[in-house]
Amino acid sequence: MKDPALDDADSLLPPEVIAQEIVEDLQAALDEFAAIAEALGGEVKPDTDAETAAVES
């Protein structure tokens, strides 16, 4: 079964927008997992590369 909406490439979001949305979704998921780990008594190490990238963007 094919989604007919995918036939019209002009209606798709630009790749950079899709990539940014993916990054935002993944960051939100990581934040949630970090909160769960902390609630369970674990220590969460900050990802300095991700923090640097977030500051640069």
C-alpha atoms as a PDB file:
ATOM      1  CA  MET A   1       0.000   0.000   0.000  1.00  0.00           C
ATOM      2  CA  LYS A   2       1.494   3.323  -1.056  1.00  0.00           C
ATOM      3  CA  ASP A   3       0.672   6.729   0.383  1.00  0.00           C
ATOM      4  CA  PRO A   4      -0.471   8.928  -2.532  1.00  0.00           C
ATOM      5  CA  ALA A   5       0.690  12.028  -0.659  1.00  0.00           C
ATOM      6  CA  LEU A   6       4.273  10.879  -1.182  1.00  0.00           C
ATOM      7  CA  ASP A   7       3.897  11.065  -4.971  1.00  0.00           C
ATOM      8  CA  ASP A   8       4.015  14.871  -4.954  1.00  0.00           C
ATOM      9  CA  ALA A   9       7.582  15.804  -3.959  1.00  0.00           C
ATOM     10  CA  ASP A  10       6.665  19.497  -3.978  1.00  0.00           C
ATOM     11  CA  SER A  11       4.378  18.984  -0.982  1.00  0.00           C
ATOM     12  CA  LEU A  12       7.136  17.460   1.166  1.00  0.00           C
ATOM     13  CA  LEU A  13       9.044  19.490   3.723  1.00  0.00           C
ATOM     14  CA  PRO A  14      12.635  20.389   2.827  1.00  0.00           C
ATOM     15  CA  PRO A  15      15.201  17.863   4.135  1.00  0.00           C
ATOM     16  CA  GLU A  16      16.752  20.386   6.516  1.00  0.00           C
ATOM     17  CA  VAL A  17      13.365  20.962   8.160  1.00  0.00           C
ATOM     18  CA  ILE A  18      12.759  17.232   8.494  1.00  0.00           C
ATOM     19  CA  ALA A  19      16.255  16.766   9.959  1.00  0.00           C
ATOM     20  CA  GLN A  20      15.717  19.563  12.497  1.00  0.00           C
ATOM     21  CA  GLU A  21      12.389  18.048  13.574  1.00  0.00           C
ATOM     22  CA  ILE A  22      14.083  14.673  14.050  1.00  0.00           C
ATOM     23  CA  VAL A  23      16.831  16.267  16.162  1.00  0.00           C
ATOM     24  CA  GLU A  24      14.249  18.047  18.320  1.00  0.00           C
ATOM     25  CA  ASP A  25      12.233  14.849  18.807  1.00  0.00           C
ATOM     26  CA  LEU A  26      15.331  12.820  19.709  1.00  0.00           C
ATOM     27  CA  GLN A  27      16.548  15.489  22.143  1.00  0.00           C
ATOM     28  CA  ALA A  28      13.157  15.522  23.863  1.00  0.00           C
ATOM     29  CA  ALA A  29      13.248  11.724  24.142  1.00  0.00           C
ATOM     30  CA  LEU A  30      16.770  11.816  25.596  1.00  0.00           C
ATOM     31  CA  ASP A  31      15.701  14.432  28.135  1.00  0.00           C
ATOM     32  CA  GLU A  32      12.819  12.189  29.201  1.00  0.00           C
ATOM     33  CA  PHE A  33      15.109   9.162  29.560  1.00  0.00           C
ATOM     34  CA  ALA A  34      17.584  11.231  31.574  1.00  0.00           C
ATOM     35  CA  ALA A  35      14.801  12.276  33.944  1.00  0.00           C
ATOM     36  CA  ILE A  36      13.750   8.641  34.361  1.00  0.00           C
ATOM     37  CA  ALA A  37      17.345   7.562  35.034  1.00  0.00           C
ATOM     38  CA  GLU A  38      17.768  10.293  37.632  1.00  0.00           C
ATOM     39  CA  ALA A  39      14.462   9.358  39.277  1.00  0.00           C
ATOM     40  CA  LEU A  40      15.725   5.787  39.549  1.00  0.00           C
ATOM     41  CA  GLY A  41      18.852   7.019  41.291  1.00  0.00           C
ATOM     42  CA  GLY A  42      21.189   6.843  38.323  1.00  0.00           C
ATOM     43  CA  GLU A  43      23.752   9.429  37.379  1.00  0.00           C
ATOM     44  CA  VAL A  44      23.346  10.971  33.955  1.00  0.00           C
ATOM     45  CA  LYS A  45      26.461  12.362  32.338  1.00  0.00           C
ATOM     46  CA  PRO A  46      25.853  15.442  30.195  1.00  0.00           C
ATOM     47  CA  ASP A  47      26.702  15.046  26.521  1.00  0.00           C
ATOM     48  CA  THR A  48      29.049  17.967  25.995  1.00  0.00           C
ATOM     49  CA  ASP A  49      29.031  17.516  22.200  1.00  0.00           C
ATOM     50  CA  ALA A  50      25.243  17.833  22.098  1.00  0.00           C
ATOM     51  CA  GLU A  51      25.290  20.866  24.383  1.00  0.00           C
ATOM     52  CA  THR A  52      27.902  22.547  22.195  1.00  0.00           C
ATOM     53  CA  ALA A  53      25.874  21.821  19.066  1.00  0.00           C
ATOM     54  CA  ALA A  54      22.713  23.183  20.678  1.00  0.00           C
ATOM     55  CA  VAL A  55      24.453  26.406  21.619  1.00  0.00           C
ATOM     56  CA  GLU A  56      25.869  26.810  18.098  1.00  0.00           C
ATOM     57  CA  SER A  57      22.495  26.400  16.372  1.00  0.00           C
END
